[in-house]
PDB file of N, CA and C in Angstrom:
ATOM      1  N   MET A   1      -4.281  -3.433 -19.766  1.00  0.00           N
ATOM      2  CA  MET A   1      -5.313  -3.248 -18.756  1.00  0.00           C
ATOM      3  C   MET A   1      -5.984  -4.591 -18.457  1.00  0.00           C
ATOM      4  N   PRO A   2      -6.436  -4.772 -17.210  1.00  0.00           N
ATOM      5  CA  PRO A   2      -7.131  -6.015 -16.874  1.00  0.00           C
ATOM      6  C   PRO A   2      -8.377  -6.172 -17.727  1.00  0.00           C
ATOM      7  N   SER A   3      -8.731  -7.423 -18.023  1.00  0.00           N
ATOM      8  CA  SER A   3      -9.886  -7.615 -18.887  1.00  0.00           C
ATOM      9  C   SER A   3     -10.879  -8.639 -18.363  1.00  0.00           C
ATOM     10  N   ASN A   4     -10.523  -9.433 -17.356  1.00  0.00           N
ATOM     11  CA  ASN A   4     -11.510 -10.409 -16.903  1.00  0.00           C
ATOM     12  C   ASN A   4     -12.179  -9.963 -15.613  1.00  0.00           C
ATOM     13  N   GLU A   5     -13.276 -10.598 -15.269  1.00  0.00           N
ATOM     14  CA  GLU A   5     -14.076 -10.184 -14.116  1.00  0.00           C
ATOM     15  C   GLU A   5     -13.370 -10.406 -12.782  1.00  0.00           C
ATOM     16  N   GLN A   6     -12.312 -11.204 -12.764  1.00  0.00           N
ATOM     17  CA  GLN A   6     -11.595 -11.464 -11.521  1.00  0.00           C
ATOM     18  C   GLN A   6     -10.561 -10.395 -11.210  1.00  0.00           C
ATOM     19  N   SER A   7     -10.312  -9.474 -12.111  1.00  0.00           N
ATOM     20  CA  SER A   7      -9.304  -8.439 -11.926  1.00  0.00           C
ATOM     21  C   SER A   7      -9.811  -7.351 -11.002  1.00  0.00           C
ATOM     22  N   VAL A   8      -8.860  -6.675 -10.360  1.00  0.00           N
ATOM     23  CA  VAL A   8      -9.206  -5.596  -9.442  1.00  0.00           C
ATOM     24  C   VAL A   8      -8.397  -4.349  -9.764  1.00  0.00           C
ATOM     25  N   VAL A   9      -8.889  -3.226  -9.259  1.00  0.00           N
ATOM     26  CA  VAL A   9      -8.164  -1.969  -9.269  1.00  0.00           C
ATOM     27  C   VAL A   9      -7.553  -1.833  -7.889  1.00  0.00           C
ATOM     28  N   HIS A  10      -6.280  -1.489  -7.847  1.00  0.00           N
ATOM     29  CA  HIS A  10      -5.593  -1.264  -6.576  1.00  0.00           C
ATOM     30  C   HIS A  10      -5.292   0.222  -6.469  1.00  0.00           C
ATOM     31  N   ARG A  11      -5.799   0.837  -5.412  1.00  0.00           N
ATOM     32  CA  ARG A  11      -5.524   2.244  -5.122  1.00  0.00           C
ATOM     33  C   ARG A  11      -4.687   2.278  -3.857  1.00  0.00           C
ATOM     34  N   GLU A  12      -3.614   3.058  -3.849  1.00  0.00           N
ATOM     35  CA  GLU A  12      -2.804   3.179  -2.636  1.00  0.00           C
ATOM     36  C   GLU A  12      -2.670   4.642  -2.284  1.00  0.00           C
ATOM     37  N   ASN A  13      -2.954   4.955  -1.025  1.00  0.00           N
ATOM     38  CA  ASN A  13      -2.838   6.316  -0.518  1.00  0.00           C
ATOM     39  C   ASN A  13      -1.955   6.315   0.718  1.00  0.00           C
ATOM     40  N   HIS A  14      -1.173   7.378   0.863  1.00  0.00           N
ATOM     41  CA  HIS A  14      -0.325   7.562   2.038  1.00  0.00           C
ATOM     42  C   HIS A  14      -0.868   8.759   2.810  1.00  0.00           C
ATOM     43  N   TYR A  15      -0.979   8.612   4.129  1.00  0.00           N
ATOM     44  CA  TYR A  15      -1.540   9.664   4.973  1.00  0.00           C
ATOM     45  C   TYR A  15      -0.474  10.182   5.929  1.00  0.00           C
ATOM     46  N   PHE A  16      -0.555  11.480   6.216  1.00  0.00           N
ATOM     47  CA  PHE A  16       0.453  12.160   7.007  1.00  0.00           C
ATOM     48  C   PHE A  16      -0.190  12.927   8.152  1.00  0.00           C
ATOM     49  N   ALA A  17       0.568  13.098   9.239  1.00  0.00           N
ATOM     50  CA  ALA A  17       0.194  13.975  10.352  1.00  0.00           C
ATOM     51  C   ALA A  17       1.378  14.905  10.568  1.00  0.00           C
ATOM     52  N   ASP A  18       1.155  16.196  10.391  1.00  0.00           N
ATOM     53  CA  ASP A  18       2.242  17.169  10.516  1.00  0.00           C
ATOM     54  C   ASP A  18       3.437  16.769   9.651  1.00  0.00           C
ATOM     55  N   ASP A  19       3.187  16.427   8.413  1.00  0.00           N
ATOM     56  CA  ASP A  19       4.213  16.055   7.431  1.00  0.00           C
ATOM     57  C   ASP A  19       4.946  14.757   7.744  1.00  0.00           C
ATOM     58  N   GLU A  20       4.482  14.007   8.727  1.00  0.00           N
ATOM     59  CA  GLU A  20       5.103  12.724   9.048  1.00  0.00           C
ATOM     60  C   GLU A  20       4.188  11.590   8.581  1.00  0.00           C
ATOM     61  N   PRO A  21       4.726  10.616   7.832  1.00  0.00           N
ATOM     62  CA  PRO A  21       3.870   9.523   7.344  1.00  0.00           C
ATOM     63  C   PRO A  21       3.379   8.651   8.497  1.00  0.00           C
ATOM     64  N   VAL A  22       2.069   8.377   8.514  1.00  0.00           N
ATOM     65  CA  VAL A  22       1.501   7.594   9.615  1.00  0.00           C
ATOM     66  C   VAL A  22       0.662   6.407   9.151  1.00  0.00           C
ATOM     67  N   GLN A  23       0.275   6.371   7.861  1.00  0.00           N
ATOM     68  CA  GLN A  23      -0.622   5.307   7.428  1.00  0.00           C
ATOM     69  C   GLN A  23      -0.509   5.086   5.917  1.00  0.00           C
ATOM     70  N   ILE A  24      -0.607   3.814   5.540  1.00  0.00           N
ATOM     71  CA  ILE A  24      -0.700   3.416   4.138  1.00  0.00           C
ATOM     72  C   ILE A  24      -2.032   2.696   3.982  1.00  0.00           C
ATOM     73  N   VAL A  25      -2.827   3.089   2.999  1.00  0.00           N
ATOM     74  CA  VAL A  25      -4.099   2.410   2.749  1.00  0.00           C
ATOM     75  C   VAL A  25      -4.103   1.889   1.323  1.00  0.00           C
ATOM     76  N   SER A  26      -4.267   0.581   1.190  1.00  0.00           N
ATOM     77  CA  SER A  26      -4.394  -0.071  -0.113  1.00  0.00           C
ATOM     78  C   SER A  26      -5.823  -0.544  -0.257  1.00  0.00           C
ATOM     79  N   THR A  27      -6.511  -0.039  -1.269  1.00  0.00           N
ATOM     80  CA  THR A  27      -7.909  -0.381  -1.496  1.00  0.00           C
ATOM     81  C   THR A  27      -8.033  -1.180  -2.781  1.00  0.00           C
ATOM     82  N   TYR A  28      -8.870  -2.209  -2.727  1.00  0.00           N
ATOM     83  CA  TYR A  28      -9.087  -3.087  -3.876  1.00  0.00           C
ATOM     84  C   TYR A  28     -10.564  -3.054  -4.252  1.00  0.00           C
ATOM     85  N   LEU A  29     -10.814  -2.753  -5.540  1.00  0.00           N
ATOM     86  CA  LEU A  29     -12.171  -2.660  -6.077  1.00  0.00           C
ATOM     87  C   LEU A  29     -12.267  -3.543  -7.312  1.00  0.00           C
ATOM     88  N   ARG A  30     -13.450  -4.022  -7.599  1.00  0.00           N
ATOM     89  CA  ARG A  30     -13.646  -4.849  -8.798  1.00  0.00           C
ATOM     90  C   ARG A  30     -13.400  -4.020 -10.064  1.00  0.00           C
ATOM     91  N   TRP A  31     -12.560  -4.551 -10.943  1.00  0.00           N
ATOM     92  CA  TRP A  31     -12.241  -3.869 -12.191  1.00  0.00           C
ATOM     93  C   TRP A  31     -13.487  -3.612 -13.024  1.00  0.00           C
ATOM     94  N   ASP A  32     -14.357  -4.614 -13.134  1.00  0.00           N
ATOM     95  CA  ASP A  32     -15.522  -4.460 -14.009  1.00  0.00           C
ATOM     96  C   ASP A  32     -16.447  -3.351 -13.535  1.00  0.00           C
ATOM     97  N   GLU A  33     -16.392  -2.981 -12.269  1.00  0.00           N
ATOM     98  CA  GLU A  33     -17.207  -1.865 -11.765  1.00  0.00           C
ATOM     99  C   GLU A  33     -16.454  -0.541 -11.823  1.00  0.00           C
ATOM    100  N   ALA A  34     -15.157  -0.570 -11.579  1.00  0.00           N
ATOM    101  CA  ALA A  34     -14.384   0.664 -11.470  1.00  0.00           C
ATOM    102  C   ALA A  34     -13.986   1.267 -12.815  1.00  0.00           C
ATOM    103  N   LYS A  35     -13.821   0.416 -13.834  1.00  0.00           N
ATOM    104  CA  LYS A  35     -13.353   0.933 -15.123  1.00  0.00           C
ATOM    105  C   LYS A  35     -14.297   2.015 -15.639  1.00  0.00           C
ATOM    106  N   ASN A  36     -13.717   3.016 -16.258  1.00  0.00           N
ATOM    107  CA  ASN A  36     -14.476   4.131 -16.849  1.00  0.00           C
ATOM    108  C   ASN A  36     -15.305   4.923 -15.842  1.00  0.00           C
ATOM    109  N   THR A  37     -14.896   4.916 -14.566  1.00  0.00           N
ATOM    110  CA  THR A  37     -15.589   5.717 -13.545  1.00  0.00           C
ATOM    111  C   THR A  37     -14.573   6.613 -12.847  1.00  0.00           C
ATOM    112  N   LEU A  38     -15.076   7.476 -11.985  1.00  0.00           N
ATOM    113  CA  LEU A  38     -14.193   8.326 -11.178  1.00  0.00           C
ATOM    114  C   LEU A  38     -13.338   7.505 -10.223  1.00  0.00           C
ATOM    115  N   LEU A  39     -13.683   6.229  -9.996  1.00  0.00           N
ATOM    116  CA  LEU A  39     -12.880   5.372  -9.127  1.00  0.00           C
ATOM    117  C   LEU A  39     -11.476   5.169  -9.696  1.00  0.00           C
ATOM    118  N   MET A  40     -11.296   5.451 -10.974  1.00  0.00           N
ATOM    119  CA  MET A  40      -9.990   5.316 -11.618  1.00  0.00           C
ATOM    120  C   MET A  40      -9.175   6.607 -11.523  1.00  0.00           C
ATOM    121  N   GLN A  41      -9.765   7.670 -10.973  1.00  0.00           N
ATOM    122  CA  GLN A  41      -9.102   8.967 -10.900  1.00  0.00           C
ATOM    123  C   GLN A  41      -8.526   9.202  -9.499  1.00  0.00           C
ATOM    124  N   PRO A  42      -7.461  10.009  -9.394  1.00  0.00           N
ATOM    125  CA  PRO A  42      -6.909  10.332  -8.074  1.00  0.00           C
ATOM    126  C   PRO A  42      -7.940  11.014  -7.168  1.00  0.00           C
ATOM    127  N   LYS A  43      -8.733  11.902  -7.730  1.00  0.00           N
ATOM    128  CA  LYS A  43      -9.791  12.596  -6.971  1.00  0.00           C
ATOM    129  C   LYS A  43     -11.121  11.997  -7.409  1.00  0.00           C
ATOM    130  N   THR A  44     -11.832  11.355  -6.476  1.00  0.00           N
ATOM    131  CA  THR A  44     -13.055  10.646  -6.840  1.00  0.00           C
ATOM    132  C   THR A  44     -14.318  11.468  -6.640  1.00  0.00           C
ATOM    133  N   GLY A  45     -14.187  12.697  -6.144  1.00  0.00           N
ATOM    134  CA  GLY A  45     -15.365  13.547  -5.978  1.00  0.00           C
ATOM    135  C   GLY A  45     -15.933  13.493  -4.574  1.00  0.00           C
ATOM    136  N   LYS A  46     -17.083  14.144  -4.425  1.00  0.00           N
ATOM    137  CA  LYS A  46     -17.752  14.250  -3.125  1.00  0.00           C
ATOM    138  C   LYS A  46     -17.978  12.866  -2.504  1.00  0.00           C
ATOM    139  N   ASP A  47     -17.652  12.729  -1.239  1.00  0.00           N
ATOM    140  CA  ASP A  47     -17.809  11.502  -0.455  1.00  0.00           C
ATOM    141  C   ASP A  47     -16.835  10.394  -0.856  1.00  0.00           C
ATOM    142  N   GLY A  48     -15.825  10.712  -1.662  1.00  0.00           N
ATOM    143  CA  GLY A  48     -14.758   9.770  -1.968  1.00  0.00           C
ATOM    144  C   GLY A  48     -15.225   8.491  -2.641  1.00  0.00           C
ATOM    145  N   ILE A  49     -14.439   7.420  -2.456  1.00  0.00           N
ATOM    146  CA  ILE A  49     -14.769   6.176  -3.159  1.00  0.00           C
ATOM    147  C   ILE A  49     -16.092   5.593  -2.691  1.00  0.00           C
ATOM    148  N   TYR A  50     -16.438   5.800  -1.414  1.00  0.00           N
ATOM    149  CA  TYR A  50     -17.712   5.245  -0.938  1.00  0.00           C
ATOM    150  C   TYR A  50     -18.895   5.937  -1.601  1.00  0.00           C
ATOM    151  N   GLY A  51     -18.766   7.218  -1.883  1.00  0.00           N
ATOM    152  CA  GLY A  51     -19.808   7.912  -2.627  1.00  0.00           C
ATOM    153  C   GLY A  51     -19.959   7.364  -4.034  1.00  0.00           C
ATOM    154  N   ARG A  52     -18.822   7.095  -4.701  1.00  0.00           N
ATOM    155  CA  ARG A  52     -18.875   6.545  -6.060  1.00  0.00           C
ATOM    156  C   ARG A  52     -19.405   5.113  -6.043  1.00  0.00           C
ATOM    157  N   LEU A  53     -19.039   4.324  -5.044  1.00  0.00           N
ATOM    158  CA  LEU A  53     -19.559   2.958  -4.945  1.00  0.00           C
ATOM    159  C   LEU A  53     -21.059   2.967  -4.671  1.00  0.00           C
ATOM    160  N   GLU A  54     -21.519   3.923  -3.868  1.00  0.00           N
ATOM    161  CA  GLU A  54     -22.955   4.036  -3.629  1.00  0.00           C
ATOM    162  C   GLU A  54     -23.678   4.419  -4.921  1.00  0.00           C
ATOM    163  N   ASP A  55     -23.036   5.290  -5.736  1.00  0.00           N
ATOM    164  CA  ASP A  55     -23.615   5.621  -7.042  1.00  0.00           C
ATOM    165  C   ASP A  55     -23.809   4.365  -7.891  1.00  0.00           C
ATOM    166  N   LEU A  56     -22.939   3.362  -7.694  1.00  0.00           N
ATOM    167  CA  LEU A  56     -23.027   2.105  -8.440  1.00  0.00           C
ATOM    168  C   LEU A  56     -23.994   1.108  -7.802  1.00  0.00           C
ATOM    169  N   GLY A  57     -24.649   1.510  -6.703  1.00  0.00           N
ATOM    170  CA  GLY A  57     -25.639   0.646  -6.073  1.00  0.00           C
ATOM    171  C   GLY A  57     -25.160  -0.096  -4.837  1.00  0.00           C
ATOM    172  N   HIS A  58     -23.932   0.162  -4.393  1.00  0.00           N
ATOM    173  CA  HIS A  58     -23.397  -0.510  -3.208  1.00  0.00           C
ATOM    174  C   HIS A  58     -23.611   0.362  -1.972  1.00  0.00           C
ATOM    175  N   VAL A  59     -24.686   0.097  -1.249  1.00  0.00           N
ATOM    176  CA  VAL A  59     -24.963   0.803  -0.007  1.00  0.00           C
ATOM    177  C   VAL A  59     -24.355  -0.036   1.108  1.00  0.00           C
ATOM    178  N   MET A  60     -23.387   0.542   1.809  1.00  0.00           N
ATOM    179  CA  MET A  60     -22.694  -0.194   2.858  1.00  0.00           C
ATOM    180  C   MET A  60     -23.648  -0.464   4.020  1.00  0.00           C
ATOM    181  N   THR A  61     -23.841  -1.734   4.337  1.00  0.00           N
ATOM    182  CA  THR A  61     -24.726  -2.100   5.439  1.00  0.00           C
ATOM    183  C   THR A  61     -23.987  -2.830   6.552  1.00  0.00           C
ATOM    184  N   ARG A  62     -22.773  -3.245   6.279  1.00  0.00           N
ATOM    185  CA  ARG A  62     -22.004  -4.000   7.265  1.00  0.00           C
ATOM    186  C   ARG A  62     -20.524  -3.865   6.920  1.00  0.00           C
ATOM    187  N   VAL A  63     -19.689  -3.841   7.948  1.00  0.00           N
ATOM    188  CA  VAL A  63     -18.244  -3.847   7.741  1.00  0.00           C
ATOM    189  C   VAL A  63     -17.622  -4.898   8.647  1.00  0.00           C
ATOM    190  N   ARG A  64     -16.468  -5.371   8.228  1.00  0.00           N
ATOM    191  CA  ARG A  64     -15.690  -6.286   9.071  1.00  0.00           C
ATOM    192  C   ARG A  64     -14.270  -5.751   9.085  1.00  0.00           C
ATOM    193  N   ASP A  65     -13.725  -5.538  10.278  1.00  0.00           N
ATOM    194  CA  ASP A  65     -12.348  -5.110  10.431  1.00  0.00           C
ATOM    195  C   ASP A  65     -11.590  -6.186  11.195  1.00  0.00           C
ATOM    196  N   GLU A  66     -10.553  -6.704  10.578  1.00  0.00           N
ATOM    197  CA  GLU A  66      -9.670  -7.681  11.217  1.00  0.00           C
ATOM    198  C   GLU A  66      -8.389  -6.944  11.573  1.00  0.00           C
ATOM    199  N   ILE A  67      -8.048  -6.899  12.858  1.00  0.00           N
ATOM    200  CA  ILE A  67      -6.924  -6.104  13.337  1.00  0.00           C
ATOM    201  C   ILE A  67      -5.823  -7.028  13.844  1.00  0.00           C
ATOM    202  N   SER A  68      -4.597  -6.746  13.413  1.00  0.00           N
ATOM    203  CA  SER A  68      -3.454  -7.522  13.882  1.00  0.00           C
ATOM    204  C   SER A  68      -2.250  -6.602  14.032  1.00  0.00           C
ATOM    205  N   ALA A  69      -1.298  -7.043  14.817  1.00  0.00           N
ATOM    206  CA  ALA A  69      -0.034  -6.327  14.984  1.00  0.00           C
ATOM    207  C   ALA A  69       1.065  -7.206  14.399  1.00  0.00           C
ATOM    208  N   ARG A  70       2.019  -6.570  13.756  1.00  0.00           N
ATOM    209  CA  ARG A  70       3.141  -7.307  13.178  1.00  0.00           C
ATOM    210  C   ARG A  70       4.273  -6.342  12.909  1.00  0.00           C
ATOM    211  N   MET A  71       5.413  -6.909  12.546  1.00  0.00           N
ATOM    212  CA  MET A  71       6.531  -6.079  12.125  1.00  0.00           C
ATOM    213  C   MET A  71       6.307  -5.678  10.665  1.00  0.00           C
ATOM    214  N   PRO A  72       6.752  -4.494  10.275  1.00  0.00           N
ATOM    215  CA  PRO A  72       6.526  -4.021   8.909  1.00  0.00           C
ATOM    216  C   PRO A  72       7.413  -4.740   7.901  1.00  0.00           C
ATOM    217  N   THR A  73       6.950  -4.760   6.669  1.00  0.00           N
ATOM    218  CA  THR A  73       7.810  -5.201   5.579  1.00  0.00           C
ATOM    219  C   THR A  73       8.862  -4.109   5.367  1.00  0.00           C
ATOM    220  N   PRO A  74       9.956  -4.413   4.682  1.00  0.00           N
ATOM    221  CA  PRO A  74      10.939  -3.353   4.406  1.00  0.00           C
ATOM    222  C   PRO A  74      10.327  -2.161   3.664  1.00  0.00           C
ATOM    223  N   GLU A  75       9.426  -2.416   2.718  1.00  0.00           N
ATOM    224  CA  GLU A  75       8.782  -1.317   1.977  1.00  0.00           C
ATOM    225  C   GLU A  75       7.896  -0.474   2.882  1.00  0.00           C
ATOM    226  N   GLU A  76       7.123  -1.106   3.767  1.00  0.00           N
ATOM    227  CA  GLU A  76       6.283  -0.350   4.713  1.00  0.00           C
ATOM    228  C   GLU A  76       7.149   0.487   5.645  1.00  0.00           C
ATOM    229  N   ALA A  77       8.248  -0.088   6.129  1.00  0.00           N
ATOM    230  CA  ALA A  77       9.154   0.656   7.012  1.00  0.00           C
ATOM    231  C   ALA A  77       9.739   1.870   6.293  1.00  0.00           C
ATOM    232  N   ARG A  78      10.063   1.701   5.015  1.00  0.00           N
ATOM    233  CA  ARG A  78      10.613   2.808   4.234  1.00  0.00           C
ATOM    234  C   ARG A  78       9.581   3.919   4.057  1.00  0.00           C
ATOM    235  N   ILE A  79       8.367   3.556   3.638  1.00  0.00           N
ATOM    236  CA  ILE A  79       7.322   4.555   3.396  1.00  0.00           C
ATOM    237  C   ILE A  79       6.956   5.300   4.676  1.00  0.00           C
ATOM    238  N   LEU A  80       6.864   4.581   5.795  1.00  0.00           N
ATOM    239  CA  LEU A  80       6.434   5.178   7.061  1.00  0.00           C
ATOM    240  C   LEU A  80       7.590   5.755   7.884  1.00  0.00           C
ATOM    241  N   HIS A  81       8.824   5.669   7.360  1.00  0.00           N
ATOM    242  CA  HIS A  81      10.016   6.178   8.049  1.00  0.00           C
ATOM    243  C   HIS A  81      10.153   5.568   9.441  1.00  0.00           C
ATOM    244  N   LEU A  82       9.963   4.262   9.538  1.00  0.00           N
ATOM    245  CA  LEU A  82      10.013   3.588  10.836  1.00  0.00           C
ATOM    246  C   LEU A  82      11.446   3.266  11.249  1.00  0.00           C
ATOM    247  N   LEU A  83      11.722   3.449  12.530  1.00  0.00           N
ATOM    248  CA  LEU A  83      12.990   3.017  13.090  1.00  0.00           C
ATOM    249  C   LEU A  83      12.936   1.507  13.292  1.00  0.00           C
ATOM    250  N   PRO A  84      14.072   0.841  13.316  1.00  0.00           N
ATOM    251  CA  PRO A  84      14.069  -0.613  13.557  1.00  0.00           C
ATOM    252  C   PRO A  84      13.350  -0.957  14.854  1.00  0.00           C
ATOM    253  N   GLY A  85      12.564  -2.015  14.825  1.00  0.00           N
ATOM    254  CA  GLY A  85      11.858  -2.482  16.013  1.00  0.00           C
ATOM    255  C   GLY A  85      10.474  -1.893  16.224  1.00  0.00           C
ATOM    256  N   VAL A  86      10.049  -0.938  15.377  1.00  0.00           N
ATOM    257  CA  VAL A  86       8.724  -0.333  15.531  1.00  0.00           C
ATOM    258  C   VAL A  86       7.717  -1.178  14.749  1.00  0.00           C
ATOM    259  N   PRO A  87       6.706  -1.731  15.417  1.00  0.00           N
ATOM    260  CA  PRO A  87       5.709  -2.548  14.729  1.00  0.00           C
ATOM    261  C   PRO A  87       4.643  -1.689  14.049  1.00  0.00           C
ATOM    262  N   ILE A  88       3.779  -2.359  13.316  1.00  0.00           N
ATOM    263  CA  ILE A  88       2.634  -1.701  12.700  1.00  0.00           C
ATOM    264  C   ILE A  88       1.358  -2.396  13.160  1.00  0.00           C
ATOM    265  N   LEU A  89       0.257  -1.671  13.068  1.00  0.00           N
ATOM    266  CA  LEU A  89      -1.073  -2.250  13.222  1.00  0.00           C
ATOM    267  C   LEU A  89      -1.659  -2.357  11.832  1.00  0.00           C
ATOM    268  N   GLU A  90      -2.196  -3.517  11.534  1.00  0.00           N
ATOM    269  CA  GLU A  90      -2.801  -3.739  10.223  1.00  0.00           C
ATOM    270  C   GLU A  90      -4.297  -3.975  10.419  1.00  0.00           C
ATOM    271  N   VAL A  91      -5.096  -3.232   9.681  1.00  0.00           N
ATOM    272  CA  VAL A  91      -6.549  -3.391   9.712  1.00  0.00           C
ATOM    273  C   VAL A  91      -6.983  -3.823   8.318  1.00  0.00           C
ATOM    274  N   LEU A  92      -7.537  -5.017   8.227  1.00  0.00           N
ATOM    275  CA  LEU A  92      -8.100  -5.492   6.966  1.00  0.00           C
ATOM    276  C   LEU A  92      -9.593  -5.212   7.033  1.00  0.00           C
ATOM    277  N   HIS A  93     -10.028  -4.243   6.237  1.00  0.00           N
ATOM    278  CA  HIS A  93     -11.408  -3.740   6.261  1.00  0.00           C
ATOM    279  C   HIS A  93     -12.160  -4.276   5.045  1.00  0.00           C
ATOM    280  N   THR A  94     -13.323  -4.873   5.281  1.00  0.00           N
ATOM    281  CA  THR A  94     -14.180  -5.342   4.195  1.00  0.00           C
ATOM    282  C   THR A  94     -15.535  -4.666   4.319  1.00  0.00           C
ATOM    283  N   SER A  95     -16.015  -4.073   3.217  1.00  0.00           N
ATOM    284  CA  SER A  95     -17.333  -3.434   3.171  1.00  0.00           C
ATOM    285  C   SER A  95     -18.319  -4.375   2.501  1.00  0.00           C
ATOM    286  N   PHE A  96     -19.496  -4.507   3.104  1.00  0.00           N
ATOM    287  CA  PHE A  96     -20.541  -5.371   2.570  1.00  0.00           C
ATOM    288  C   PHE A  96     -21.751  -4.530   2.179  1.00  0.00           C
ATOM    289  N   ALA A  97     -22.362  -4.878   1.065  1.00  0.00           N
ATOM    290  CA  ALA A  97     -23.547  -4.176   0.568  1.00  0.00           C
ATOM    291  C   ALA A  97     -24.802  -4.787   1.162  1.00  0.00           C
ATOM    292  N   GLN A  98     -25.930  -4.237   0.753  1.00  0.00           N
ATOM    293  CA  GLN A  98     -27.227  -4.658   1.276  1.00  0.00           C
ATOM    294  C   GLN A  98     -27.513  -6.136   1.015  1.00  0.00           C
ATOM    295  N   ASN A  99     -26.880  -6.728   0.004  1.00  0.00           N
ATOM    296  CA  ASN A  99     -27.073  -8.156  -0.269  1.00  0.00           C
ATOM    297  C   ASN A  99     -26.046  -9.014   0.474  1.00  0.00           C
ATOM    298  N   LEU A 100     -25.300  -8.386   1.388  1.00  0.00           N
ATOM    299  CA  LEU A 100     -24.264  -9.014   2.215  1.00  0.00           C
ATOM    300  C   LEU A 100     -23.082  -9.538   1.412  1.00  0.00           C
ATOM    301  N   GLN A 101     -22.924  -9.035   0.174  1.00  0.00           N
ATOM    302  CA  GLN A 101     -21.770  -9.385  -0.648  1.00  0.00           C
ATOM    303  C   GLN A 101     -20.684  -8.322  -0.465  1.00  0.00           C
ATOM    304  N   PRO A 102     -19.425  -8.730  -0.311  1.00  0.00           N
ATOM    305  CA  PRO A 102     -18.351  -7.739  -0.196  1.00  0.00           C
ATOM    306  C   PRO A 102     -18.168  -6.982  -1.505  1.00  0.00           C
ATOM    307  N   PHE A 103     -17.911  -5.672  -1.401  1.00  0.00           N
ATOM    308  CA  PHE A 103     -17.703  -4.884  -2.619  1.00  0.00           C
ATOM    309  C   PHE A 103     -16.423  -4.060  -2.579  1.00  0.00           C
ATOM    310  N   GLU A 104     -15.752  -4.043  -1.437  1.00  0.00           N
ATOM    311  CA  GLU A 104     -14.509  -3.280  -1.314  1.00  0.00           C
ATOM    312  C   GLU A 104     -13.706  -3.858  -0.168  1.00  0.00           C
ATOM    313  N   VAL A 105     -12.398  -3.950  -0.366  1.00  0.00           N
ATOM    314  CA  VAL A 105     -11.483  -4.396   0.682  1.00  0.00           C
ATOM    315  C   VAL A 105     -10.347  -3.395   0.755  1.00  0.00           C
ATOM    316  N   SER A 106     -10.020  -2.972   1.973  1.00  0.00           N
ATOM    317  CA  SER A 106      -8.891  -2.067   2.170  1.00  0.00           C
ATOM    318  C   SER A 106      -7.990  -2.611   3.265  1.00  0.00           C
ATOM    319  N   ARG A 107      -6.697  -2.461   3.050  1.00  0.00           N
ATOM    320  CA  ARG A 107      -5.701  -2.836   4.056  1.00  0.00           C
ATOM    321  C   ARG A 107      -5.067  -1.541   4.557  1.00  0.00           C
ATOM    322  N   HIS A 108      -5.263  -1.256   5.841  1.00  0.00           N
ATOM    323  CA  HIS A 108      -4.710  -0.061   6.477  1.00  0.00           C
ATOM    324  C   HIS A 108      -3.489  -0.484   7.284  1.00  0.00           C
ATOM    325  N   VAL A 109      -2.365   0.146   7.007  1.00  0.00           N
ATOM    326  CA  VAL A 109      -1.139  -0.123   7.755  1.00  0.00           C
ATOM    327  C   VAL A 109      -0.803   1.142   8.530  1.00  0.00           C
ATOM    328  N   HIS A 110      -0.885   1.046   9.865  1.00  0.00           N
ATOM    329  CA  HIS A 110      -0.664   2.186  10.757  1.00  0.00           C
ATOM    330  C   HIS A 110       0.644   2.019  11.517  1.00  0.00           C
ATOM    331  N   ARG A 111       1.340   3.102  11.732  1.00  0.00           N
ATOM    332  CA  ARG A 111       2.479   3.086  12.649  1.00  0.00           C
ATOM    333  C   ARG A 111       1.936   2.803  14.042  1.00  0.00           C
ATOM    334  N   ALA A 112       2.408   1.758  14.693  1.00  0.00           N
ATOM    335  CA  ALA A 112       1.903   1.415  16.027  1.00  0.00           C
ATOM    336  C   ALA A 112       2.381   2.396  17.088  1.00  0.00           C
ATOM    337  N   ASP A 113       3.485   3.103  16.838  1.00  0.00           N
ATOM    338  CA  ASP A 113       3.983   4.053  17.833  1.00  0.00           C
ATOM    339  C   ASP A 113       3.221   5.372  17.818  1.00  0.00           C
ATOM    340  N   GLN A 114       2.325   5.567  16.850  1.00  0.00           N
ATOM    341  CA  GLN A 114       1.572   6.822  16.775  1.00  0.00           C
ATOM    342  C   GLN A 114       0.097   6.592  16.489  1.00  0.00           C
ATOM    343  N   THR A 115      -0.395   5.402  16.785  1.00  0.00           N
ATOM    344  CA  THR A 115      -1.771   5.070  16.424  1.00  0.00           C
ATOM    345  C   THR A 115      -2.482   4.408  17.586  1.00  0.00           C
ATOM    346  N   GLY A 116      -3.735   4.761  17.740  1.00  0.00           N
ATOM    347  CA  GLY A 116      -4.637   4.053  18.627  1.00  0.00           C
ATOM    348  C   GLY A 116      -5.922   3.816  17.863  1.00  0.00           C
ATOM    349  N   LEU A 117      -6.624   2.770  18.200  1.00  0.00           N
ATOM    350  CA  LEU A 117      -7.878   2.470  17.523  1.00  0.00           C
ATOM    351  C   LEU A 117      -9.006   2.528  18.556  1.00  0.00           C
ATOM    352  N   LEU A 118     -10.113   3.132  18.162  1.00  0.00           N
ATOM    353  CA  LEU A 118     -11.302   3.214  19.016  1.00  0.00           C
ATOM    354  C   LEU A 118     -12.485   2.796  18.180  1.00  0.00           C
ATOM    355  N   TYR A 119     -13.230   1.823  18.663  1.00  0.00           N
ATOM    356  CA  TYR A 119     -14.443   1.391  17.995  1.00  0.00           C
ATOM    357  C   TYR A 119     -15.600   1.601  18.956  1.00  0.00           C
ATOM    358  N   GLU A 120     -16.642   2.279  18.463  1.00  0.00           N
ATOM    359  CA  GLU A 120     -17.855   2.490  19.236  1.00  0.00           C
ATOM    360  C   GLU A 120     -19.001   2.049  18.339  1.00  0.00           C
ATOM    361  N   LEU A 121     -19.697   0.974  18.740  1.00  0.00           N
ATOM    362  CA  LEU A 121     -20.721   0.372  17.912  1.00  0.00           C
ATOM    363  C   LEU A 121     -21.992   0.159  18.720  1.00  0.00           C
ATOM    364  N   PRO A 122     -23.154   0.254  18.085  1.00  0.00           N
ATOM    365  CA  PRO A 122     -24.388  -0.051  18.802  1.00  0.00           C
ATOM    366  C   PRO A 122     -24.458  -1.555  19.087  1.00  0.00           C
ATOM    367  N   VAL A 123     -25.096  -1.886  20.198  1.00  0.00           N
ATOM    368  CA  VAL A 123     -25.318  -3.294  20.542  1.00  0.00           C
ATOM    369  C   VAL A 123     -26.693  -3.679  20.034  1.00  0.00           C
ATOM    370  N   GLU A 124     -26.750  -4.733  19.227  1.00  0.00           N
ATOM    371  CA  GLU A 124     -28.038  -5.161  18.646  1.00  0.00           C
ATOM    372  C   GLU A 124     -28.771  -6.085  19.589  1.00  0.00           C
TER     373      GLU A 124
END
């Protein structure tokens, strides 16, 4: 098991629509915070990982999503059952706490042939 403060927990989830794979989400959390918590379990309880992170004092106050399009890796193509030539959309999501420090990073890999993204945000 990881033992230093620089280590992370990697959680990977696959999402489906009508039994067809459409998304892979890889989430990275600090090991020193996640160890011995529900964050290490497949089912994290009410409100998912964000609920457990809030229990640890991380109130999400800001997010950053970096969106790019690219061709899938062979492993991503296999998991998502992609035909040759089908690209993916990748969203690198970072959650920031009230002290503006990042506390969670997730990489979302979406099938580009079955995905659209919509962002609606207040203007400050």
